[in-house]
Amino acid sequence: MLRRGLDKDQVLTVIQNPDEIIADDSEEVVIFQSVIKENEQLFLLRVFINRSKQPKRIVTLYKTTKIKKYYEGKI
């Protein structure tokens, strides 16, 4: 989070109340994602979580402006 300049509260909000949850084919890694607004611009915050580890672990996370590429819901 620090390296990518992401806010901890935003990440926790996405994990606790995501707009979408997407599982990969193995369902080992699950993507929690939500559209967020910063400085009048929309971003998609994506958090990849490994469910097979105990406790569950964040694999990676990032925010992107390519919302239409990854987001299946309505904006």
PDB file of N, CA and C in Angstrom:
ATOM      1  N   MET A   1       0.825  -1.186   0.000  1.00  0.00           N
ATOM      2  CA  MET A   1       0.000   0.000   0.000  1.00  0.00           C
ATOM      3  C   MET A   1       0.870   1.251   0.000  1.00  0.00           C
ATOM      4  N   LEU A   2       1.895   1.231   0.815  1.00  0.00           N
ATOM      5  CA  LEU A   2       2.761   2.408   0.908  1.00  0.00           C
ATOM      6  C   LEU A   2       3.451   2.695  -0.413  1.00  0.00           C
ATOM      7  N   ARG A   3       3.979   1.660  -1.043  1.00  0.00           N
ATOM      8  CA  ARG A   3       4.712   1.840  -2.295  1.00  0.00           C
ATOM      9  C   ARG A   3       3.810   2.384  -3.397  1.00  0.00           C
ATOM     10  N   ARG A   4       2.550   1.985  -3.394  1.00  0.00           N
ATOM     11  CA  ARG A   4       1.621   2.444  -4.430  1.00  0.00           C
ATOM     12  C   ARG A   4       0.833   3.680  -4.018  1.00  0.00           C
ATOM     13  N   GLY A   5       1.069   4.158  -2.804  1.00  0.00           N
ATOM     14  CA  GLY A   5       0.409   5.367  -2.337  1.00  0.00           C
ATOM     15  C   GLY A   5      -1.082   5.198  -2.107  1.00  0.00           C
ATOM     16  N   LEU A   6      -1.491   4.013  -1.666  1.00  0.00           N
ATOM     17  CA  LEU A   6      -2.903   3.749  -1.442  1.00  0.00           C
ATOM     18  C   LEU A   6      -3.259   3.937   0.025  1.00  0.00           C
ATOM     19  N   ASP A   7      -4.454   4.451   0.249  1.00  0.00           N
ATOM     20  CA  ASP A   7      -4.941   4.727   1.587  1.00  0.00           C
ATOM     21  C   ASP A   7      -5.467   3.447   2.242  1.00  0.00           C
ATOM     22  N   LYS A   8      -5.006   3.163   3.446  1.00  0.00           N
ATOM     23  CA  LYS A   8      -5.399   1.954   4.174  1.00  0.00           C
ATOM     24  C   LYS A   8      -6.907   1.882   4.370  1.00  0.00           C
ATOM     25  N   ASP A   9      -7.540   3.005   4.696  1.00  0.00           N
ATOM     26  CA  ASP A   9      -8.987   3.019   4.912  1.00  0.00           C
ATOM     27  C   ASP A   9      -9.752   2.652   3.645  1.00  0.00           C
ATOM     28  N   GLN A  10      -9.291   3.156   2.492  1.00  0.00           N
ATOM     29  CA  GLN A  10      -9.934   2.799   1.217  1.00  0.00           C
ATOM     30  C   GLN A  10      -9.804   1.311   0.943  1.00  0.00           C
ATOM     31  N   VAL A  11      -8.634   0.761   1.190  1.00  0.00           N
ATOM     32  CA  VAL A  11      -8.406  -0.668   0.958  1.00  0.00           C
ATOM     33  C   VAL A  11      -9.308  -1.502   1.862  1.00  0.00           C
ATOM     34  N   LEU A  12      -9.390  -1.147   3.128  1.00  0.00           N
ATOM     35  CA  LEU A  12     -10.256  -1.880   4.057  1.00  0.00           C
ATOM     36  C   LEU A  12     -11.727  -1.784   3.651  1.00  0.00           C
ATOM     37  N   THR A  13     -12.140  -0.624   3.166  1.00  0.00           N
ATOM     38  CA  THR A  13     -13.516  -0.451   2.704  1.00  0.00           C
ATOM     39  C   THR A  13     -13.807  -1.371   1.521  1.00  0.00           C
ATOM     40  N   VAL A  14     -12.868  -1.466   0.592  1.00  0.00           N
ATOM     41  CA  VAL A  14     -13.061  -2.337  -0.578  1.00  0.00           C
ATOM     42  C   VAL A  14     -13.137  -3.801  -0.141  1.00  0.00           C
ATOM     43  N   ILE A  15     -12.303  -4.199   0.802  1.00  0.00           N
ATOM     44  CA  ILE A  15     -12.324  -5.585   1.277  1.00  0.00           C
ATOM     45  C   ILE A  15     -13.624  -5.891   2.031  1.00  0.00           C
ATOM     46  N   GLN A  16     -14.086  -4.964   2.843  1.00  0.00           N
ATOM     47  CA  GLN A  16     -15.277  -5.191   3.658  1.00  0.00           C
ATOM     48  C   GLN A  16     -16.580  -5.014   2.894  1.00  0.00           C
ATOM     49  N   ASN A  17     -16.567  -4.157   1.867  1.00  0.00           N
ATOM     50  CA  ASN A  17     -17.797  -3.863   1.129  1.00  0.00           C
ATOM     51  C   ASN A  17     -17.474  -3.607  -0.343  1.00  0.00           C
ATOM     52  N   PRO A  18     -17.043  -4.632  -1.085  1.00  0.00           N
ATOM     53  CA  PRO A  18     -16.654  -4.433  -2.482  1.00  0.00           C
ATOM     54  C   PRO A  18     -17.862  -4.251  -3.400  1.00  0.00           C
ATOM     55  N   ASP A  19     -17.643  -3.522  -4.496  1.00  0.00           N
ATOM     56  CA  ASP A  19     -18.674  -3.433  -5.536  1.00  0.00           C
ATOM     57  C   ASP A  19     -18.781  -4.768  -6.265  1.00  0.00           C
ATOM     58  N   GLU A  20     -17.647  -5.441  -6.453  1.00  0.00           N
ATOM     59  CA  GLU A  20     -17.603  -6.727  -7.145  1.00  0.00           C
ATOM     60  C   GLU A  20     -16.569  -7.638  -6.497  1.00  0.00           C
ATOM     61  N   ILE A  21     -16.828  -8.945  -6.588  1.00  0.00           N
ATOM     62  CA  ILE A  21     -15.858  -9.954  -6.179  1.00  0.00           C
ATOM     63  C   ILE A  21     -15.695 -10.891  -7.368  1.00  0.00           C
ATOM     64  N   ILE A  22     -14.452 -11.071  -7.794  1.00  0.00           N
ATOM     65  CA  ILE A  22     -14.155 -11.907  -8.957  1.00  0.00           C
ATOM     66  C   ILE A  22     -13.171 -12.990  -8.528  1.00  0.00           C
ATOM     67  N   ALA A  23     -13.506 -14.260  -8.822  1.00  0.00           N
ATOM     68  CA  ALA A  23     -12.612 -15.367  -8.501  1.00  0.00           C
ATOM     69  C   ALA A  23     -11.905 -15.813  -9.770  1.00  0.00           C
ATOM     70  N   ASP A  24     -10.625 -16.208  -9.643  1.00  0.00           N
ATOM     71  CA  ASP A  24      -9.927 -16.754 -10.794  1.00  0.00           C
ATOM     72  C   ASP A  24     -10.366 -18.207 -10.993  1.00  0.00           C
ATOM     73  N   ASP A  25      -9.859 -18.860 -12.021  1.00  0.00           N
ATOM     74  CA  ASP A  25     -10.292 -20.219 -12.342  1.00  0.00           C
ATOM     75  C   ASP A  25     -10.040 -21.205 -11.205  1.00  0.00           C
ATOM     76  N   SER A  26      -8.939 -21.055 -10.506  1.00  0.00           N
ATOM     77  CA  SER A  26      -8.630 -21.963  -9.401  1.00  0.00           C
ATOM     78  C   SER A  26      -9.361 -21.550  -8.124  1.00  0.00           C
ATOM     79  N   GLU A  27      -9.910 -20.357  -8.119  1.00  0.00           N
ATOM     80  CA  GLU A  27     -10.585 -19.765  -6.968  1.00  0.00           C
ATOM     81  C   GLU A  27      -9.673 -19.649  -5.757  1.00  0.00           C
ATOM     82  N   GLU A  28      -8.371 -19.723  -5.996  1.00  0.00           N
ATOM     83  CA  GLU A  28      -7.413 -19.525  -4.915  1.00  0.00           C
ATOM     84  C   GLU A  28      -7.250 -18.039  -4.623  1.00  0.00           C
ATOM     85  N   VAL A  29      -7.202 -17.250  -5.700  1.00  0.00           N
ATOM     86  CA  VAL A  29      -7.075 -15.795  -5.565  1.00  0.00           C
ATOM     87  C   VAL A  29      -8.410 -15.153  -5.932  1.00  0.00           C
ATOM     88  N   VAL A  30      -8.868 -14.269  -5.072  1.00  0.00           N
ATOM     89  CA  VAL A  30     -10.123 -13.562  -5.294  1.00  0.00           C
ATOM     90  C   VAL A  30      -9.813 -12.078  -5.392  1.00  0.00           C
ATOM     91  N   ILE A  31     -10.491 -11.405  -6.319  1.00  0.00           N
ATOM     92  CA  ILE A  31     -10.285  -9.966  -6.512  1.00  0.00           C
ATOM     93  C   ILE A  31     -11.493  -9.227  -5.943  1.00  0.00           C
ATOM     94  N   PHE A  32     -11.223  -8.352  -5.001  1.00  0.00           N
ATOM     95  CA  PHE A  32     -12.240  -7.452  -4.462  1.00  0.00           C
ATOM     96  C   PHE A  32     -11.995  -6.105  -5.130  1.00  0.00           C
ATOM     97  N   GLN A  33     -13.020  -5.517  -5.718  1.00  0.00           N
ATOM     98  CA  GLN A  33     -12.815  -4.246  -6.402  1.00  0.00           C
ATOM     99  C   GLN A  33     -14.009  -3.325  -6.235  1.00  0.00           C
ATOM    100  N   SER A  34     -13.691  -2.026  -6.245  1.00  0.00           N
ATOM    101  CA  SER A  34     -14.708  -0.979  -6.138  1.00  0.00           C
ATOM    102  C   SER A  34     -14.244   0.251  -6.898  1.00  0.00           C
ATOM    103  N   VAL A  35     -15.221   0.994  -7.397  1.00  0.00           N
ATOM    104  CA  VAL A  35     -14.936   2.274  -8.044  1.00  0.00           C
ATOM    105  C   VAL A  35     -14.840   3.320  -6.935  1.00  0.00           C
ATOM    106  N   ILE A  36     -13.775   4.106  -6.983  1.00  0.00           N
ATOM    107  CA  ILE A  36     -13.575   5.175  -5.997  1.00  0.00           C
ATOM    108  C   ILE A  36     -13.379   6.493  -6.741  1.00  0.00           C
ATOM    109  N   LYS A  37     -13.613   7.588  -6.054  1.00  0.00           N
ATOM    110  CA  LYS A  37     -13.448   8.906  -6.653  1.00  0.00           C
ATOM    111  C   LYS A  37     -12.391   9.677  -5.877  1.00  0.00           C
ATOM    112  N   GLU A  38     -11.405  10.185  -6.600  1.00  0.00           N
ATOM    113  CA  GLU A  38     -10.360  11.016  -6.002  1.00  0.00           C
ATOM    114  C   GLU A  38     -10.142  12.229  -6.893  1.00  0.00           C
ATOM    115  N   ASN A  39     -10.210  13.397  -6.308  1.00  0.00           N
ATOM    116  CA  ASN A  39      -9.982  14.645  -7.050  1.00  0.00           C
ATOM    117  C   ASN A  39     -10.811  14.703  -8.328  1.00  0.00           C
ATOM    118  N   GLU A  40     -12.094  14.365  -8.202  1.00  0.00           N
ATOM    119  CA  GLU A  40     -13.049  14.416  -9.312  1.00  0.00           C
ATOM    120  C   GLU A  40     -12.747  13.410 -10.423  1.00  0.00           C
ATOM    121  N   GLN A  41     -11.881  12.434 -10.181  1.00  0.00           N
ATOM    122  CA  GLN A  41     -11.570  11.403 -11.176  1.00  0.00           C
ATOM    123  C   GLN A  41     -11.931  10.033 -10.602  1.00  0.00           C
ATOM    124  N   LEU A  42     -12.490   9.167 -11.459  1.00  0.00           N
ATOM    125  CA  LEU A  42     -12.856   7.822 -11.039  1.00  0.00           C
ATOM    126  C   LEU A  42     -11.693   6.857 -11.242  1.00  0.00           C
ATOM    127  N   PHE A  43     -11.519   5.965 -10.279  1.00  0.00           N
ATOM    128  CA  PHE A  43     -10.511   4.920 -10.330  1.00  0.00           C
ATOM    129  C   PHE A  43     -11.171   3.609  -9.922  1.00  0.00           C
ATOM    130  N   LEU A  44     -10.579   2.509 -10.332  1.00  0.00           N
ATOM    131  CA  LEU A  44     -10.982   1.195  -9.864  1.00  0.00           C
ATOM    132  C   LEU A  44      -9.885   0.700  -8.940  1.00  0.00           C
ATOM    133  N   LEU A  45     -10.240   0.453  -7.684  1.00  0.00           N
ATOM    134  CA  LEU A  45      -9.286  -0.067  -6.710  1.00  0.00           C
ATOM    135  C   LEU A  45      -9.481  -1.576  -6.664  1.00  0.00           C
ATOM    136  N   ARG A  46      -8.418  -2.329  -6.980  1.00  0.00           N
ATOM    137  CA  ARG A  46      -8.464  -3.788  -7.053  1.00  0.00           C
ATOM    138  C   ARG A  46      -7.545  -4.378  -5.984  1.00  0.00           C
ATOM    139  N   VAL A  47      -8.091  -5.305  -5.193  1.00  0.00           N
ATOM    140  CA  VAL A  47      -7.334  -5.947  -4.126  1.00  0.00           C
ATOM    141  C   VAL A  47      -7.391  -7.461  -4.364  1.00  0.00           C
ATOM    142  N   PHE A  48      -6.224  -8.068  -4.578  1.00  0.00           N
ATOM    143  CA  PHE A  48      -6.118  -9.498  -4.854  1.00  0.00           C
ATOM    144  C   PHE A  48      -5.782 -10.215  -3.543  1.00  0.00           C
ATOM    145  N   ILE A  49      -6.640 -11.154  -3.143  1.00  0.00           N
ATOM    146  CA  ILE A  49      -6.469 -11.846  -1.867  1.00  0.00           C
ATOM    147  C   ILE A  49      -6.348 -13.349  -2.100  1.00  0.00           C
ATOM    148  N   ASN A  50      -5.330 -13.948  -1.485  1.00  0.00           N
ATOM    149  CA  ASN A  50      -5.137 -15.394  -1.546  1.00  0.00           C
ATOM    150  C   ASN A  50      -5.964 -16.033  -0.433  1.00  0.00           C
ATOM    151  N   ARG A  51      -7.011 -16.768  -0.822  1.00  0.00           N
ATOM    152  CA  ARG A  51      -7.904 -17.371   0.164  1.00  0.00           C
ATOM    153  C   ARG A  51      -7.367 -18.681   0.726  1.00  0.00           C
ATOM    154  N   SER A  52      -6.382 -19.287   0.053  1.00  0.00           N
ATOM    155  CA  SER A  52      -5.888 -20.586   0.509  1.00  0.00           C
ATOM    156  C   SER A  52      -4.935 -20.455   1.696  1.00  0.00           C
ATOM    157  N   LYS A  53      -4.416 -19.273   1.938  1.00  0.00           N
ATOM    158  CA  LYS A  53      -3.528 -19.038   3.078  1.00  0.00           C
ATOM    159  C   LYS A  53      -4.356 -18.727   4.316  1.00  0.00           C
ATOM    160  N   GLN A  54      -3.841 -19.097   5.462  1.00  0.00           N
ATOM    161  CA  GLN A  54      -4.495 -18.763   6.723  1.00  0.00           C
ATOM    162  C   GLN A  54      -3.498 -18.045   7.612  1.00  0.00           C
ATOM    163  N   PRO A  55      -3.708 -16.814   7.995  1.00  0.00           N
ATOM    164  CA  PRO A  55      -4.864 -16.011   7.590  1.00  0.00           C
ATOM    165  C   PRO A  55      -4.756 -15.609   6.123  1.00  0.00           C
ATOM    166  N   LYS A  56      -5.890 -15.190   5.568  1.00  0.00           N
ATOM    167  CA  LYS A  56      -5.914 -14.747   4.166  1.00  0.00           C
ATOM    168  C   LYS A  56      -4.924 -13.606   3.978  1.00  0.00           C
ATOM    169  N   ARG A  57      -4.299 -13.557   2.793  1.00  0.00           N
ATOM    170  CA  ARG A  57      -3.265 -12.545   2.556  1.00  0.00           C
ATOM    171  C   ARG A  57      -3.528 -11.756   1.287  1.00  0.00           C
ATOM    172  N   ILE A  58      -3.217 -10.465   1.352  1.00  0.00           N
ATOM    173  CA  ILE A  58      -3.272  -9.629   0.155  1.00  0.00           C
ATOM    174  C   ILE A  58      -2.046  -9.962  -0.689  1.00  0.00           C
ATOM    175  N   VAL A  59      -2.291 -10.346  -1.940  1.00  0.00           N
ATOM    176  CA  VAL A  59      -1.207 -10.673  -2.861  1.00  0.00           C
ATOM    177  C   VAL A  59      -0.672  -9.393  -3.487  1.00  0.00           C
ATOM    178  N   THR A  60      -1.583  -8.595  -4.008  1.00  0.00           N
ATOM    179  CA  THR A  60      -1.228  -7.302  -4.595  1.00  0.00           C
ATOM    180  C   THR A  60      -2.470  -6.432  -4.608  1.00  0.00           C
ATOM    181  N   LEU A  61      -2.278  -5.159  -4.842  1.00  0.00           N
ATOM    182  CA  LEU A  61      -3.388  -4.230  -4.953  1.00  0.00           C
ATOM    183  C   LEU A  61      -2.940  -3.033  -5.761  1.00  0.00           C
ATOM    184  N   TYR A  62      -3.878  -2.434  -6.475  1.00  0.00           N
ATOM    185  CA  TYR A  62      -3.556  -1.244  -7.254  1.00  0.00           C
ATOM    186  C   TYR A  62      -4.837  -0.522  -7.628  1.00  0.00           C
ATOM    187  N   LYS A  63      -4.691   0.722  -8.048  1.00  0.00           N
ATOM    188  CA  LYS A  63      -5.837   1.448  -8.592  1.00  0.00           C
ATOM    189  C   LYS A  63      -5.512   1.799 -10.034  1.00  0.00           C
ATOM    190  N   THR A  64      -6.559   1.811 -10.850  1.00  0.00           N
ATOM    191  CA  THR A  64      -6.390   2.042 -12.276  1.00  0.00           C
ATOM    192  C   THR A  64      -7.529   2.914 -12.802  1.00  0.00           C
ATOM    193  N   THR A  65      -7.249   3.605 -13.894  1.00  0.00           N
ATOM    194  CA  THR A  65      -8.285   4.376 -14.576  1.00  0.00           C
ATOM    195  C   THR A  65      -8.983   3.530 -15.643  1.00  0.00           C
ATOM    196  N   LYS A  66      -8.497   2.331 -15.890  1.00  0.00           N
ATOM    197  CA  LYS A  66      -9.067   1.447 -16.918  1.00  0.00           C
ATOM    198  C   LYS A  66     -10.261   0.680 -16.351  1.00  0.00           C
ATOM    199  N   ILE A  67     -11.261   1.428 -15.941  1.00  0.00           N
ATOM    200  CA  ILE A  67     -12.427   0.846 -15.278  1.00  0.00           C
ATOM    201  C   ILE A  67     -13.185  -0.081 -16.219  1.00  0.00           C
ATOM    202  N   LYS A  68     -13.421   0.339 -17.441  1.00  0.00           N
ATOM    203  CA  LYS A  68     -14.208  -0.457 -18.384  1.00  0.00           C
ATOM    204  C   LYS A  68     -13.543  -1.794 -18.711  1.00  0.00           C
ATOM    205  N   LYS A  69     -12.243  -1.856 -18.593  1.00  0.00           N
ATOM    206  CA  LYS A  69     -11.508  -3.085 -18.901  1.00  0.00           C
ATOM    207  C   LYS A  69     -11.767  -4.171 -17.852  1.00  0.00           C
ATOM    208  N   TYR A  70     -11.916  -3.788 -16.585  1.00  0.00           N
ATOM    209  CA  TYR A  70     -11.999  -4.754 -15.498  1.00  0.00           C
ATOM    210  C   TYR A  70     -13.340  -4.806 -14.777  1.00  0.00           C
ATOM    211  N   TYR A  71     -14.092  -3.737 -14.817  1.00  0.00           N
ATOM    212  CA  TYR A  71     -15.313  -3.623 -14.014  1.00  0.00           C
ATOM    213  C   TYR A  71     -16.525  -4.053 -14.818  1.00  0.00           C
ATOM    214  N   GLU A  72     -17.324  -4.948 -14.246  1.00  0.00           N
ATOM    215  CA  GLU A  72     -18.486  -5.468 -14.963  1.00  0.00           C
ATOM    216  C   GLU A  72     -19.780  -4.761 -14.595  1.00  0.00           C
ATOM    217  N   GLY A  73     -19.772  -4.023 -13.490  1.00  0.00           N
ATOM    218  CA  GLY A  73     -20.986  -3.336 -13.034  1.00  0.00           C
ATOM    219  C   GLY A  73     -21.180  -2.006 -13.735  1.00  0.00           C
ATOM    220  N   LYS A  74     -22.199  -1.293 -13.307  1.00  0.00           N
ATOM    221  CA  LYS A  74     -22.477   0.030 -13.853  1.00  0.00           C
ATOM    222  C   LYS A  74     -21.783   1.085 -13.014  1.00  0.00           C
ATOM    223  N   ILE A  75     -21.347   2.124 -13.665  1.00  0.00           N
ATOM    224  CA  ILE A  75     -20.656   3.219 -12.976  1.00  0.00           C
ATOM    225  C   ILE A  75     -21.658   4.303 -12.635  1.00  0.00           C
TER     226      ILE A  75
END
